[in-house]
Amino acid sequence: MEEKNAKIKAELAAHNKTLKKKLKIEEQESKAIKIPEKGYIDASDLPPMPSFVQPRPESSINLNAPKCIICRGTVYFYEKQDPPTCLYCEKIVLDNATEVC
């Protein structure tokens, strides 16, 4: 009886081993990207990427901050305050001005 059980266990182990190999191969084939008839993969063959929107913290929005008189951008504490001018406009526009208002 024990010999019969050992024989059946050995057959079952061999069957389980082949079954696991088949399942592993099928899983790998299902994950593989199929190469189209044109012979190469380009962006049209891949799914679209999800759009990325970087979250903006609410604390960074200051509606009462002074605005640049030229570009209407936010003027920070280290920039020219009278008249409020951002660093870019101060360097590009005001430094290159030939006329005085």
N, C-alpha and C. Protein backbone atom coordinates (compact mmCIF):
# COMPACT_ATOMS: atom_id res chain seq x y z
N MET A 1 0.82 -1.18 0.00
CA MET A 1 0.00 0.00 0.00
C MET A 1 0.87 1.26 0.00
N GLU A 2 1.95 1.25 0.80
CA GLU A 2 2.84 2.40 0.87
C GLU A 2 3.55 2.62 -0.46
N GLU A 3 3.89 1.54 -1.14
CA GLU A 3 4.54 1.65 -2.44
C GLU A 3 3.61 2.32 -3.44
N LYS A 4 2.34 1.95 -3.39
CA LYS A 4 1.34 2.52 -4.30
C LYS A 4 1.17 4.01 -4.01
N ASN A 5 1.11 4.38 -2.71
CA ASN A 5 0.98 5.79 -2.33
C ASN A 5 2.21 6.59 -2.77
N ALA A 6 3.39 6.04 -2.61
CA ALA A 6 4.62 6.72 -3.01
C ALA A 6 4.63 6.94 -4.51
N LYS A 7 4.17 5.94 -5.26
CA LYS A 7 4.13 6.05 -6.72
C LYS A 7 3.15 7.15 -7.15
N ILE A 8 1.99 7.18 -6.52
CA ILE A 8 0.98 8.20 -6.85
C ILE A 8 1.48 9.59 -6.47
N LYS A 9 2.16 9.73 -5.32
CA LYS A 9 2.72 11.01 -4.90
C LYS A 9 3.77 11.50 -5.90
N ALA A 10 4.61 10.58 -6.37
CA ALA A 10 5.64 10.95 -7.34
C ALA A 10 5.01 11.42 -8.64
N GLU A 11 3.96 10.72 -9.12
CA GLU A 11 3.27 11.13 -10.34
C GLU A 11 2.59 12.49 -10.15
N LEU A 12 1.99 12.68 -9.00
CA LEU A 12 1.32 13.95 -8.70
C LEU A 12 2.34 15.08 -8.63
N ALA A 13 3.48 14.86 -8.03
CA ALA A 13 4.52 15.88 -7.94
C ALA A 13 5.02 16.25 -9.34
N ALA A 14 5.22 15.26 -10.20
CA ALA A 14 5.66 15.52 -11.58
C ALA A 14 4.59 16.30 -12.33
N HIS A 15 3.33 15.93 -12.15
CA HIS A 15 2.24 16.63 -12.82
C HIS A 15 2.14 18.08 -12.33
N ASN A 16 2.28 18.29 -11.02
CA ASN A 16 2.23 19.64 -10.47
C ASN A 16 3.38 20.48 -11.00
N LYS A 17 4.56 19.88 -11.13
CA LYS A 17 5.73 20.59 -11.63
C LYS A 17 5.50 21.05 -13.07
N THR A 18 4.99 20.17 -13.93
CA THR A 18 4.72 20.56 -15.32
C THR A 18 3.60 21.59 -15.40
N LEU A 19 2.61 21.45 -14.54
CA LEU A 19 1.50 22.41 -14.53
C LEU A 19 1.99 23.79 -14.13
N LYS A 20 2.87 23.89 -13.12
CA LYS A 20 3.43 25.17 -12.70
C LYS A 20 4.25 25.80 -13.82
N LYS A 21 5.03 24.97 -14.55
CA LYS A 21 5.81 25.49 -15.66
C LYS A 21 4.91 26.06 -16.74
N LYS A 22 3.82 25.34 -17.07
CA LYS A 22 2.89 25.81 -18.09
C LYS A 22 2.24 27.13 -17.66
N LEU A 23 1.82 27.22 -16.41
CA LEU A 23 1.19 28.44 -15.91
C LEU A 23 2.17 29.61 -15.93
N LYS A 24 3.42 29.36 -15.57
CA LYS A 24 4.42 30.42 -15.57
C LYS A 24 4.68 30.92 -16.99
N ILE A 25 4.77 30.01 -17.94
CA ILE A 25 4.98 30.39 -19.34
C ILE A 25 3.79 31.18 -19.86
N GLU A 26 2.57 30.74 -19.56
CA GLU A 26 1.37 31.46 -20.00
C GLU A 26 1.32 32.85 -19.40
N GLU A 27 1.72 32.98 -18.13
CA GLU A 27 1.71 34.29 -17.47
C GLU A 27 2.72 35.22 -18.12
N GLN A 28 3.91 34.71 -18.44
CA GLN A 28 4.92 35.53 -19.09
C GLN A 28 4.48 35.94 -20.49
N GLU A 29 3.83 35.05 -21.21
CA GLU A 29 3.36 35.38 -22.56
C GLU A 29 2.25 36.42 -22.51
N SER A 30 1.41 36.38 -21.49
CA SER A 30 0.33 37.36 -21.40
C SER A 30 0.86 38.75 -21.05
N LYS A 31 1.99 38.83 -20.33
CA LYS A 31 2.57 40.12 -19.97
C LYS A 31 3.41 40.71 -21.09
N ALA A 32 3.85 39.89 -22.01
CA ALA A 32 4.72 40.35 -23.08
C ALA A 32 3.95 41.25 -24.04
N ILE A 33 4.64 42.27 -24.57
CA ILE A 33 4.03 43.17 -25.54
C ILE A 33 4.08 42.51 -26.91
N LYS A 34 2.95 42.43 -27.53
CA LYS A 34 2.88 41.83 -28.85
C LYS A 34 3.47 42.79 -29.88
N ILE A 35 4.38 42.30 -30.71
CA ILE A 35 4.99 43.12 -31.75
C ILE A 35 4.05 43.14 -32.95
N PRO A 36 3.63 44.31 -33.40
CA PRO A 36 2.69 44.40 -34.52
C PRO A 36 3.33 43.98 -35.84
N GLU A 37 2.52 43.90 -36.88
CA GLU A 37 2.99 43.45 -38.18
C GLU A 37 4.04 44.38 -38.79
N LYS A 38 4.02 45.66 -38.40
CA LYS A 38 4.98 46.59 -38.97
C LYS A 38 6.40 46.32 -38.49
N GLY A 39 6.57 45.52 -37.43
CA GLY A 39 7.89 45.08 -37.00
C GLY A 39 8.51 45.89 -35.88
N TYR A 40 7.87 46.96 -35.44
CA TYR A 40 8.42 47.76 -34.35
C TYR A 40 7.26 48.34 -33.53
N ILE A 41 7.61 48.81 -32.35
CA ILE A 41 6.62 49.38 -31.44
C ILE A 41 6.88 50.87 -31.33
N ASP A 42 5.83 51.67 -31.54
CA ASP A 42 5.95 53.11 -31.36
C ASP A 42 4.85 53.59 -30.41
N ALA A 43 4.72 54.87 -30.25
CA ALA A 43 3.79 55.44 -29.27
C ALA A 43 2.34 55.08 -29.56
N SER A 44 1.99 54.86 -30.82
CA SER A 44 0.61 54.53 -31.16
C SER A 44 0.23 53.13 -30.68
N ASP A 45 1.20 52.27 -30.40
CA ASP A 45 0.92 50.91 -29.94
C ASP A 45 0.76 50.83 -28.43
N LEU A 46 1.19 51.84 -27.70
CA LEU A 46 1.14 51.82 -26.24
C LEU A 46 -0.09 52.57 -25.73
N PRO A 47 -0.58 52.21 -24.55
CA PRO A 47 -1.73 52.93 -23.99
C PRO A 47 -1.32 54.35 -23.60
N PRO A 48 -2.26 55.30 -23.62
CA PRO A 48 -1.90 56.68 -23.25
C PRO A 48 -1.54 56.78 -21.77
N MET A 49 -0.60 57.68 -21.49
CA MET A 49 -0.20 57.89 -20.10
C MET A 49 -1.23 58.78 -19.40
N PRO A 50 -1.44 58.56 -18.11
CA PRO A 50 -2.37 59.43 -17.39
C PRO A 50 -1.78 60.83 -17.27
N SER A 51 -2.65 61.83 -17.29
CA SER A 51 -2.16 63.20 -17.18
C SER A 51 -1.66 63.45 -15.76
N PHE A 52 -0.63 64.26 -15.65
CA PHE A 52 -0.04 64.57 -14.36
C PHE A 52 -0.32 66.02 -14.03
N VAL A 53 -0.97 66.23 -12.93
CA VAL A 53 -1.23 67.58 -12.45
C VAL A 53 -0.58 67.69 -11.09
N GLN A 54 0.41 68.55 -10.99
CA GLN A 54 1.10 68.72 -9.73
C GLN A 54 0.21 69.48 -8.77
N PRO A 55 -0.01 68.93 -7.58
CA PRO A 55 -0.86 69.64 -6.63
C PRO A 55 -0.20 70.94 -6.17
N ARG A 56 -1.00 71.96 -6.06
CA ARG A 56 -0.50 73.26 -5.63
C ARG A 56 -1.06 73.53 -4.24
N PRO A 57 -0.19 73.71 -3.27
CA PRO A 57 -0.69 73.95 -1.92
C PRO A 57 -1.42 75.29 -1.83
N GLU A 58 -2.48 75.30 -1.08
CA GLU A 58 -3.30 76.51 -0.95
C GLU A 58 -2.54 77.64 -0.25
N SER A 59 -1.55 77.29 0.57
CA SER A 59 -0.83 78.33 1.30
C SER A 59 0.08 79.15 0.39
N SER A 60 0.40 78.64 -0.82
CA SER A 60 1.29 79.38 -1.71
C SER A 60 0.55 80.46 -2.49
N ILE A 61 -0.77 80.44 -2.45
CA ILE A 61 -1.55 81.44 -3.17
C ILE A 61 -1.81 82.62 -2.25
N ASN A 62 -1.32 83.78 -2.64
CA ASN A 62 -1.53 84.98 -1.86
C ASN A 62 -2.18 86.01 -2.78
N LEU A 63 -3.47 86.20 -2.62
CA LEU A 63 -4.22 87.10 -3.49
C LEU A 63 -3.92 88.56 -3.20
N ASN A 64 -3.44 88.85 -2.01
CA ASN A 64 -3.17 90.24 -1.64
C ASN A 64 -1.74 90.65 -1.89
N ALA A 65 -0.92 89.78 -2.48
CA ALA A 65 0.48 90.11 -2.74
C ALA A 65 0.56 91.18 -3.81
N PRO A 66 1.56 92.04 -3.73
CA PRO A 66 1.70 93.08 -4.78
C PRO A 66 2.04 92.44 -6.12
N LYS A 67 1.59 93.07 -7.19
CA LYS A 67 1.81 92.58 -8.55
C LYS A 67 2.79 93.50 -9.26
N CYS A 68 3.56 92.90 -10.16
CA CYS A 68 4.52 93.65 -10.96
C CYS A 68 3.75 94.61 -11.88
N ILE A 69 4.23 95.84 -12.02
CA ILE A 69 3.52 96.82 -12.85
C ILE A 69 3.68 96.52 -14.33
N ILE A 70 4.64 95.67 -14.70
CA ILE A 70 4.88 95.38 -16.12
C ILE A 70 4.23 94.07 -16.55
N CYS A 71 4.54 92.97 -15.83
CA CYS A 71 4.04 91.66 -16.26
C CYS A 71 2.90 91.13 -15.40
N ARG A 72 2.52 91.80 -14.36
CA ARG A 72 1.45 91.43 -13.44
C ARG A 72 1.76 90.15 -12.66
N GLY A 73 3.04 89.77 -12.56
CA GLY A 73 3.45 88.63 -11.76
C GLY A 73 3.56 89.01 -10.30
N THR A 74 3.64 88.03 -9.42
CA THR A 74 3.75 88.28 -7.99
C THR A 74 5.12 88.87 -7.66
N VAL A 75 5.13 89.90 -6.85
CA VAL A 75 6.37 90.54 -6.40
C VAL A 75 6.62 90.08 -4.97
N TYR A 76 7.82 89.53 -4.73
CA TYR A 76 8.17 89.02 -3.41
C TYR A 76 8.89 90.08 -2.59
N PHE A 77 9.10 89.81 -1.31
CA PHE A 77 9.64 90.80 -0.38
C PHE A 77 11.04 91.27 -0.77
N TYR A 78 11.83 90.46 -1.45
CA TYR A 78 13.20 90.84 -1.78
C TYR A 78 13.30 91.57 -3.12
N GLU A 79 12.18 91.81 -3.78
CA GLU A 79 12.19 92.52 -5.06
C GLU A 79 11.82 93.98 -4.84
N LYS A 80 12.02 94.77 -5.86
CA LYS A 80 11.77 96.21 -5.79
C LYS A 80 10.29 96.46 -5.46
N GLN A 81 10.04 97.27 -4.42
CA GLN A 81 8.67 97.46 -3.96
C GLN A 81 8.06 98.79 -4.40
N ASP A 82 8.86 99.75 -4.80
CA ASP A 82 8.29 101.06 -5.16
C ASP A 82 8.85 101.52 -6.49
N PRO A 83 8.21 101.41 -7.57
CA PRO A 83 6.97 100.68 -7.83
C PRO A 83 7.25 99.18 -7.82
N PRO A 84 6.23 98.37 -7.51
CA PRO A 84 6.45 96.92 -7.43
C PRO A 84 6.87 96.35 -8.79
N THR A 85 8.09 95.79 -8.83
CA THR A 85 8.63 95.24 -10.07
C THR A 85 9.33 93.92 -9.77
N CYS A 86 9.06 92.89 -10.55
CA CYS A 86 9.73 91.61 -10.34
C CYS A 86 11.16 91.69 -10.84
N LEU A 87 11.99 90.74 -10.44
CA LEU A 87 13.41 90.76 -10.80
C LEU A 87 13.61 90.71 -12.30
N TYR A 88 12.83 89.90 -12.99
CA TYR A 88 12.98 89.76 -14.44
C TYR A 88 12.71 91.09 -15.14
N CYS A 89 11.59 91.69 -14.81
CA CYS A 89 11.23 92.96 -15.46
C CYS A 89 12.21 94.06 -15.07
N GLU A 90 12.68 94.04 -13.85
CA GLU A 90 13.65 95.05 -13.41
C GLU A 90 14.94 94.92 -14.22
N LYS A 91 15.40 93.73 -14.45
CA LYS A 91 16.65 93.51 -15.18
C LYS A 91 16.48 93.78 -16.67
N ILE A 92 15.43 93.20 -17.27
CA ILE A 92 15.26 93.26 -18.73
C ILE A 92 14.69 94.60 -19.18
N VAL A 93 13.64 95.06 -18.54
CA VAL A 93 12.92 96.23 -19.03
C VAL A 93 13.48 97.53 -18.45
N LEU A 94 13.57 97.61 -17.14
CA LEU A 94 13.95 98.88 -16.54
C LEU A 94 15.42 99.21 -16.73
N ASP A 95 16.30 98.22 -16.68
CA ASP A 95 17.73 98.49 -16.84
C ASP A 95 18.07 98.87 -18.27
N ASN A 96 17.27 98.44 -19.24
CA ASN A 96 17.54 98.73 -20.64
C ASN A 96 16.77 99.96 -21.15
N ALA A 97 16.00 100.58 -20.28
CA ALA A 97 15.22 101.74 -20.69
C ALA A 97 16.14 102.92 -20.96
N THR A 98 15.93 103.58 -22.07
CA THR A 98 16.75 104.75 -22.42
C THR A 98 16.07 106.05 -22.05
N GLU A 99 14.74 105.99 -21.86
CA GLU A 99 13.99 107.20 -21.52
C GLU A 99 13.54 107.12 -20.07
N VAL A 100 13.46 108.26 -19.44
CA VAL A 100 12.96 108.33 -18.09
C VAL A 100 11.53 108.84 -18.17
N CYS A 101 10.61 108.17 -17.51
CA CYS A 101 9.19 108.57 -17.59
C CYS A 101 8.95 109.89 -16.92
